[in-house]
Amino acid sequence: MSEEIGFFQKVYQVVVLIPRGRITSYGAIAAYLGTKQSSRMVGWAMNQSHMNEKAIPAHRVVNRNGILTGKAHFGGRDVMKQLLESEGFVVENDQIMNFKEKFWDPTIELKQV
């Protein structure tokens, strides 16, 4: 990915590639971008994604244990959960039950550009 664009935009370029019905983590995106220690910054990017002019499926990005840590940034307590359930995820107590089966690793799925 081009060095000329900002970190948040690089994150968004990855997130829009997550297929419907799949999920990834902040850390997996950070690792793919070559900044393994920046998973928290990926989370900040997700928190700001609603300000992007292009729709960013931020609901498909959760923490490494499949917990909906970013749910407060979706405009309602259960919006993130509802979006995930509409894609076939089972969510209990703010945790994705079928996380491992649905996990999408950009390092494996995407060719590094």
N, C-alpha and C. Protein backbone atom coordinates (compact mmCIF):
# COMPACT_ATOMS: atom_id res chain seq x y z
N MET A 1 0.84 -1.18 0.00
CA MET A 1 0.00 0.00 0.00
C MET A 1 0.88 1.24 0.00
N SER A 2 0.41 2.23 -0.63
CA SER A 2 1.19 3.45 -0.78
C SER A 2 1.53 4.10 0.55
N GLU A 3 2.75 4.59 0.67
CA GLU A 3 3.18 5.30 1.87
C GLU A 3 2.59 6.71 1.92
N GLU A 4 2.03 7.15 0.81
CA GLU A 4 1.52 8.51 0.72
C GLU A 4 0.18 8.69 1.43
N ILE A 5 -0.50 7.62 1.74
CA ILE A 5 -1.77 7.75 2.44
C ILE A 5 -1.57 7.50 3.92
N GLY A 6 -2.46 8.04 4.73
CA GLY A 6 -2.35 7.91 6.17
C GLY A 6 -2.67 6.51 6.68
N PHE A 7 -2.29 6.28 7.92
CA PHE A 7 -2.50 4.97 8.54
C PHE A 7 -3.98 4.59 8.56
N PHE A 8 -4.86 5.51 8.95
CA PHE A 8 -6.29 5.18 9.00
C PHE A 8 -6.79 4.75 7.63
N GLN A 9 -6.36 5.44 6.59
CA GLN A 9 -6.81 5.08 5.24
C GLN A 9 -6.30 3.69 4.85
N LYS A 10 -5.09 3.34 5.27
CA LYS A 10 -4.57 1.99 5.00
C LYS A 10 -5.44 0.95 5.71
N VAL A 11 -5.82 1.25 6.94
CA VAL A 11 -6.71 0.35 7.70
C VAL A 11 -8.02 0.18 6.94
N TYR A 12 -8.60 1.29 6.50
CA TYR A 12 -9.89 1.23 5.80
C TYR A 12 -9.78 0.42 4.50
N GLN A 13 -8.63 0.53 3.82
CA GLN A 13 -8.44 -0.24 2.59
C GLN A 13 -8.49 -1.74 2.87
N VAL A 14 -8.02 -2.15 4.03
CA VAL A 14 -8.07 -3.57 4.41
C VAL A 14 -9.49 -3.94 4.84
N VAL A 15 -10.10 -3.12 5.68
CA VAL A 15 -11.41 -3.45 6.25
C VAL A 15 -12.48 -3.60 5.17
N VAL A 16 -12.44 -2.79 4.13
CA VAL A 16 -13.47 -2.92 3.08
C VAL A 16 -13.33 -4.24 2.31
N LEU A 17 -12.21 -4.92 2.47
CA LEU A 17 -12.00 -6.21 1.79
C LEU A 17 -12.47 -7.41 2.60
N ILE A 18 -12.84 -7.19 3.87
CA ILE A 18 -13.32 -8.30 4.70
C ILE A 18 -14.66 -8.76 4.11
N PRO A 19 -14.74 -10.02 3.71
CA PRO A 19 -15.98 -10.50 3.11
C PRO A 19 -17.14 -10.53 4.12
N ARG A 20 -18.32 -10.34 3.61
CA ARG A 20 -19.53 -10.47 4.43
C ARG A 20 -19.52 -11.87 5.06
N GLY A 21 -19.84 -11.93 6.36
CA GLY A 21 -19.87 -13.21 7.05
C GLY A 21 -18.53 -13.65 7.60
N ARG A 22 -17.54 -12.78 7.50
CA ARG A 22 -16.20 -13.07 8.04
C ARG A 22 -15.85 -11.96 9.03
N ILE A 23 -14.88 -12.23 9.88
CA ILE A 23 -14.50 -11.31 10.95
C ILE A 23 -12.98 -11.30 11.07
N THR A 24 -12.42 -10.19 11.52
CA THR A 24 -10.98 -10.13 11.78
C THR A 24 -10.74 -9.34 13.05
N SER A 25 -9.48 -9.21 13.41
CA SER A 25 -9.13 -8.51 14.65
C SER A 25 -8.28 -7.28 14.36
N TYR A 26 -8.24 -6.40 15.33
CA TYR A 26 -7.39 -5.21 15.23
C TYR A 26 -5.94 -5.62 15.00
N GLY A 27 -5.49 -6.61 15.76
CA GLY A 27 -4.11 -7.08 15.66
C GLY A 27 -3.78 -7.69 14.32
N ALA A 28 -4.72 -8.43 13.73
CA ALA A 28 -4.48 -9.04 12.42
C ALA A 28 -4.30 -7.97 11.35
N ILE A 29 -5.08 -6.90 11.44
CA ILE A 29 -4.93 -5.80 10.49
C ILE A 29 -3.59 -5.10 10.70
N ALA A 30 -3.24 -4.85 11.95
CA ALA A 30 -1.96 -4.20 12.25
C ALA A 30 -0.79 -5.04 11.73
N ALA A 31 -0.86 -6.35 11.94
CA ALA A 31 0.21 -7.24 11.46
C ALA A 31 0.31 -7.19 9.94
N TYR A 32 -0.83 -7.22 9.27
CA TYR A 32 -0.83 -7.16 7.81
C TYR A 32 -0.18 -5.87 7.32
N LEU A 33 -0.43 -4.78 8.01
CA LEU A 33 0.13 -3.48 7.61
C LEU A 33 1.60 -3.33 7.99
N GLY A 34 2.16 -4.34 8.65
CA GLY A 34 3.56 -4.29 9.02
C GLY A 34 3.83 -3.49 10.28
N THR A 35 2.78 -3.24 11.05
CA THR A 35 2.90 -2.46 12.28
C THR A 35 2.24 -3.25 13.41
N LYS A 36 2.80 -4.40 13.69
CA LYS A 36 2.21 -5.37 14.62
C LYS A 36 1.81 -4.78 15.97
N GLN A 37 2.53 -3.79 16.44
CA GLN A 37 2.26 -3.20 17.75
C GLN A 37 1.19 -2.10 17.72
N SER A 38 0.55 -1.90 16.59
CA SER A 38 -0.39 -0.78 16.46
C SER A 38 -1.86 -1.20 16.45
N SER A 39 -2.19 -2.30 17.08
CA SER A 39 -3.59 -2.74 17.07
C SER A 39 -4.51 -1.70 17.72
N ARG A 40 -4.02 -1.00 18.71
CA ARG A 40 -4.83 0.05 19.34
C ARG A 40 -5.14 1.18 18.35
N MET A 41 -4.16 1.50 17.50
CA MET A 41 -4.40 2.53 16.47
C MET A 41 -5.42 2.04 15.44
N VAL A 42 -5.42 0.75 15.16
CA VAL A 42 -6.44 0.19 14.27
C VAL A 42 -7.81 0.40 14.90
N GLY A 43 -7.91 0.19 16.21
CA GLY A 43 -9.15 0.44 16.93
C GLY A 43 -9.58 1.89 16.84
N TRP A 44 -8.64 2.80 16.96
CA TRP A 44 -8.96 4.23 16.83
C TRP A 44 -9.48 4.53 15.42
N ALA A 45 -8.87 3.89 14.43
CA ALA A 45 -9.33 4.07 13.05
C ALA A 45 -10.78 3.58 12.92
N MET A 46 -11.08 2.44 13.54
CA MET A 46 -12.45 1.92 13.47
C MET A 46 -13.42 2.89 14.15
N ASN A 47 -13.00 3.48 15.27
CA ASN A 47 -13.86 4.43 15.97
C ASN A 47 -14.18 5.65 15.12
N GLN A 48 -13.26 6.01 14.22
CA GLN A 48 -13.44 7.18 13.35
C GLN A 48 -14.01 6.82 11.98
N SER A 49 -14.20 5.55 11.72
CA SER A 49 -14.58 5.11 10.37
C SER A 49 -15.92 5.65 9.90
N HIS A 50 -16.80 5.98 10.83
CA HIS A 50 -18.11 6.52 10.43
C HIS A 50 -17.98 7.89 9.78
N MET A 51 -16.84 8.53 9.93
CA MET A 51 -16.61 9.85 9.33
C MET A 51 -16.07 9.73 7.90
N ASN A 52 -15.75 8.52 7.47
CA ASN A 52 -15.22 8.29 6.14
C ASN A 52 -16.35 8.39 5.13
N GLU A 53 -16.07 8.94 3.97
CA GLU A 53 -17.13 9.07 2.96
C GLU A 53 -17.55 7.74 2.37
N LYS A 54 -16.66 6.75 2.40
CA LYS A 54 -16.98 5.40 1.92
C LYS A 54 -17.43 4.55 3.10
N ALA A 55 -18.42 3.70 2.90
CA ALA A 55 -18.90 2.83 3.97
C ALA A 55 -17.81 1.84 4.37
N ILE A 56 -17.49 1.80 5.65
CA ILE A 56 -16.47 0.91 6.19
C ILE A 56 -17.17 -0.10 7.09
N PRO A 57 -17.06 -1.40 6.83
CA PRO A 57 -17.73 -2.40 7.66
C PRO A 57 -16.97 -2.65 8.97
N ALA A 58 -16.90 -1.63 9.79
CA ALA A 58 -16.13 -1.68 11.05
C ALA A 58 -16.66 -2.73 12.01
N HIS A 59 -17.91 -3.12 11.86
CA HIS A 59 -18.48 -4.14 12.74
C HIS A 59 -17.79 -5.49 12.58
N ARG A 60 -17.07 -5.69 11.50
CA ARG A 60 -16.37 -6.95 11.25
C ARG A 60 -14.98 -7.00 11.89
N VAL A 61 -14.65 -5.97 12.68
CA VAL A 61 -13.34 -5.93 13.34
C VAL A 61 -13.56 -5.93 14.85
N VAL A 62 -13.01 -6.93 15.50
CA VAL A 62 -13.19 -7.11 16.95
C VAL A 62 -11.82 -7.38 17.59
N ASN A 63 -11.80 -7.60 18.88
CA ASN A 63 -10.51 -7.88 19.51
C ASN A 63 -10.09 -9.32 19.26
N ARG A 64 -8.91 -9.68 19.69
CA ARG A 64 -8.32 -11.00 19.39
C ARG A 64 -9.09 -12.17 19.97
N ASN A 65 -9.98 -11.90 20.92
CA ASN A 65 -10.80 -12.96 21.52
C ASN A 65 -12.22 -12.97 20.99
N GLY A 66 -12.49 -12.14 19.99
CA GLY A 66 -13.82 -12.09 19.41
C GLY A 66 -14.82 -11.27 20.22
N ILE A 67 -14.31 -10.39 21.06
CA ILE A 67 -15.19 -9.56 21.90
C ILE A 67 -15.46 -8.23 21.19
N LEU A 68 -16.70 -7.78 21.27
CA LEU A 68 -17.13 -6.55 20.61
C LEU A 68 -16.70 -5.32 21.42
N THR A 69 -15.42 -5.07 21.47
CA THR A 69 -14.90 -3.97 22.28
C THR A 69 -15.25 -2.60 21.72
N GLY A 70 -15.58 -2.51 20.44
CA GLY A 70 -15.89 -1.23 19.83
C GLY A 70 -17.37 -0.93 19.73
N LYS A 71 -18.20 -1.70 20.40
CA LYS A 71 -19.65 -1.58 20.23
C LYS A 71 -20.21 -0.20 20.58
N ALA A 72 -19.54 0.54 21.45
CA ALA A 72 -20.04 1.85 21.87
C ALA A 72 -19.97 2.88 20.75
N HIS A 73 -19.26 2.59 19.68
CA HIS A 73 -19.07 3.56 18.60
C HIS A 73 -20.02 3.33 17.42
N PHE A 74 -21.08 2.58 17.65
CA PHE A 74 -22.01 2.27 16.56
C PHE A 74 -23.36 2.97 16.69
N GLY A 75 -23.46 3.92 17.57
CA GLY A 75 -24.68 4.70 17.67
C GLY A 75 -25.80 4.04 18.46
N GLY A 76 -25.53 2.94 19.08
CA GLY A 76 -26.52 2.23 19.90
C GLY A 76 -25.88 1.02 20.52
N ARG A 77 -26.36 0.65 21.66
CA ARG A 77 -25.74 -0.43 22.44
C ARG A 77 -25.66 -1.77 21.69
N ASP A 78 -26.66 -2.09 20.90
CA ASP A 78 -26.70 -3.40 20.25
C ASP A 78 -26.51 -3.35 18.73
N VAL A 79 -26.17 -2.19 18.18
CA VAL A 79 -26.06 -2.06 16.73
C VAL A 79 -24.99 -2.98 16.16
N MET A 80 -23.81 -3.00 16.76
CA MET A 80 -22.73 -3.86 16.26
C MET A 80 -23.15 -5.33 16.30
N LYS A 81 -23.74 -5.73 17.40
CA LYS A 81 -24.21 -7.11 17.55
C LYS A 81 -25.25 -7.44 16.47
N GLN A 82 -26.19 -6.53 16.24
CA GLN A 82 -27.22 -6.77 15.24
C GLN A 82 -26.63 -6.89 13.83
N LEU A 83 -25.66 -6.04 13.53
CA LEU A 83 -25.01 -6.12 12.22
C LEU A 83 -24.31 -7.47 12.04
N LEU A 84 -23.63 -7.90 13.07
CA LEU A 84 -22.93 -9.20 13.00
C LEU A 84 -23.91 -10.36 12.90
N GLU A 85 -24.97 -10.32 13.70
CA GLU A 85 -25.96 -11.40 13.64
C GLU A 85 -26.65 -11.45 12.28
N SER A 86 -26.82 -10.30 11.63
CA SER A 86 -27.44 -10.29 10.31
C SER A 86 -26.54 -10.96 9.26
N GLU A 87 -25.26 -11.13 9.60
CA GLU A 87 -24.32 -11.81 8.70
C GLU A 87 -24.08 -13.26 9.13
N GLY A 88 -24.82 -13.72 10.12
CA GLY A 88 -24.73 -15.12 10.52
C GLY A 88 -23.88 -15.42 11.73
N PHE A 89 -23.38 -14.40 12.39
CA PHE A 89 -22.58 -14.63 13.59
C PHE A 89 -23.46 -14.91 14.79
N VAL A 90 -22.97 -15.73 15.68
CA VAL A 90 -23.64 -16.00 16.95
C VAL A 90 -22.88 -15.17 17.98
N VAL A 91 -23.61 -14.23 18.63
CA VAL A 91 -22.99 -13.34 19.61
C VAL A 91 -23.67 -13.52 20.95
N GLU A 92 -22.89 -13.87 21.97
CA GLU A 92 -23.41 -14.02 23.32
C GLU A 92 -22.51 -13.25 24.28
N ASN A 93 -23.14 -12.43 25.12
CA ASN A 93 -22.38 -11.62 26.08
C ASN A 93 -21.27 -10.82 25.39
N ASP A 94 -21.62 -10.23 24.25
CA ASP A 94 -20.70 -9.39 23.47
C ASP A 94 -19.47 -10.15 22.96
N GLN A 95 -19.59 -11.46 22.78
CA GLN A 95 -18.49 -12.25 22.24
C GLN A 95 -19.00 -13.12 21.10
N ILE A 96 -18.23 -13.18 20.02
CA ILE A 96 -18.59 -14.01 18.87
C ILE A 96 -18.26 -15.46 19.20
N MET A 97 -19.28 -16.30 19.16
CA MET A 97 -19.13 -17.71 19.52
C MET A 97 -18.40 -18.51 18.44
N ASN A 98 -18.62 -18.18 17.18
CA ASN A 98 -18.00 -18.92 16.08
C ASN A 98 -16.82 -18.13 15.50
N PHE A 99 -16.08 -17.49 16.38
CA PHE A 99 -14.99 -16.60 15.98
C PHE A 99 -13.92 -17.31 15.15
N LYS A 100 -13.41 -18.41 15.63
CA LYS A 100 -12.31 -19.11 14.93
C LYS A 100 -12.73 -19.58 13.54
N GLU A 101 -13.96 -20.06 13.43
CA GLU A 101 -14.44 -20.56 12.13
C GLU A 101 -14.63 -19.43 11.12
N LYS A 102 -14.95 -18.25 11.61
CA LYS A 102 -15.26 -17.11 10.73
C LYS A 102 -14.08 -16.14 10.57
N PHE A 103 -12.97 -16.42 11.25
CA PHE A 103 -11.84 -15.49 11.25
C PHE A 103 -11.22 -15.36 9.87
N TRP A 104 -10.98 -14.13 9.48
CA TRP A 104 -10.37 -13.77 8.20
C TRP A 104 -9.05 -13.09 8.50
N ASP A 105 -7.95 -13.71 8.10
CA ASP A 105 -6.63 -13.17 8.36
C ASP A 105 -6.10 -12.51 7.09
N PRO A 106 -6.00 -11.17 7.10
CA PRO A 106 -5.56 -10.50 5.87
C PRO A 106 -4.15 -10.90 5.42
N THR A 107 -3.31 -11.31 6.34
CA THR A 107 -1.96 -11.74 5.98
C THR A 107 -2.00 -12.99 5.11
N ILE A 108 -3.00 -13.83 5.33
CA ILE A 108 -3.16 -15.05 4.53
C ILE A 108 -4.03 -14.77 3.30
N GLU A 109 -5.11 -14.03 3.50
CA GLU A 109 -6.10 -13.82 2.44
C GLU A 109 -5.69 -12.80 1.38
N LEU A 110 -4.86 -11.84 1.76
CA LEU A 110 -4.48 -10.77 0.83
C LEU A 110 -3.00 -10.87 0.51
N LYS A 111 -2.67 -10.47 -0.67
CA LYS A 111 -1.28 -10.38 -1.07
C LYS A 111 -0.76 -9.02 -0.59
N GLN A 112 0.36 -8.99 0.09
CA GLN A 112 0.94 -7.72 0.55
C GLN A 112 1.29 -6.87 -0.66
N VAL A 113 0.85 -5.64 -0.67
CA VAL A 113 1.09 -4.73 -1.80
C VAL A 113 2.16 -3.74 -1.44
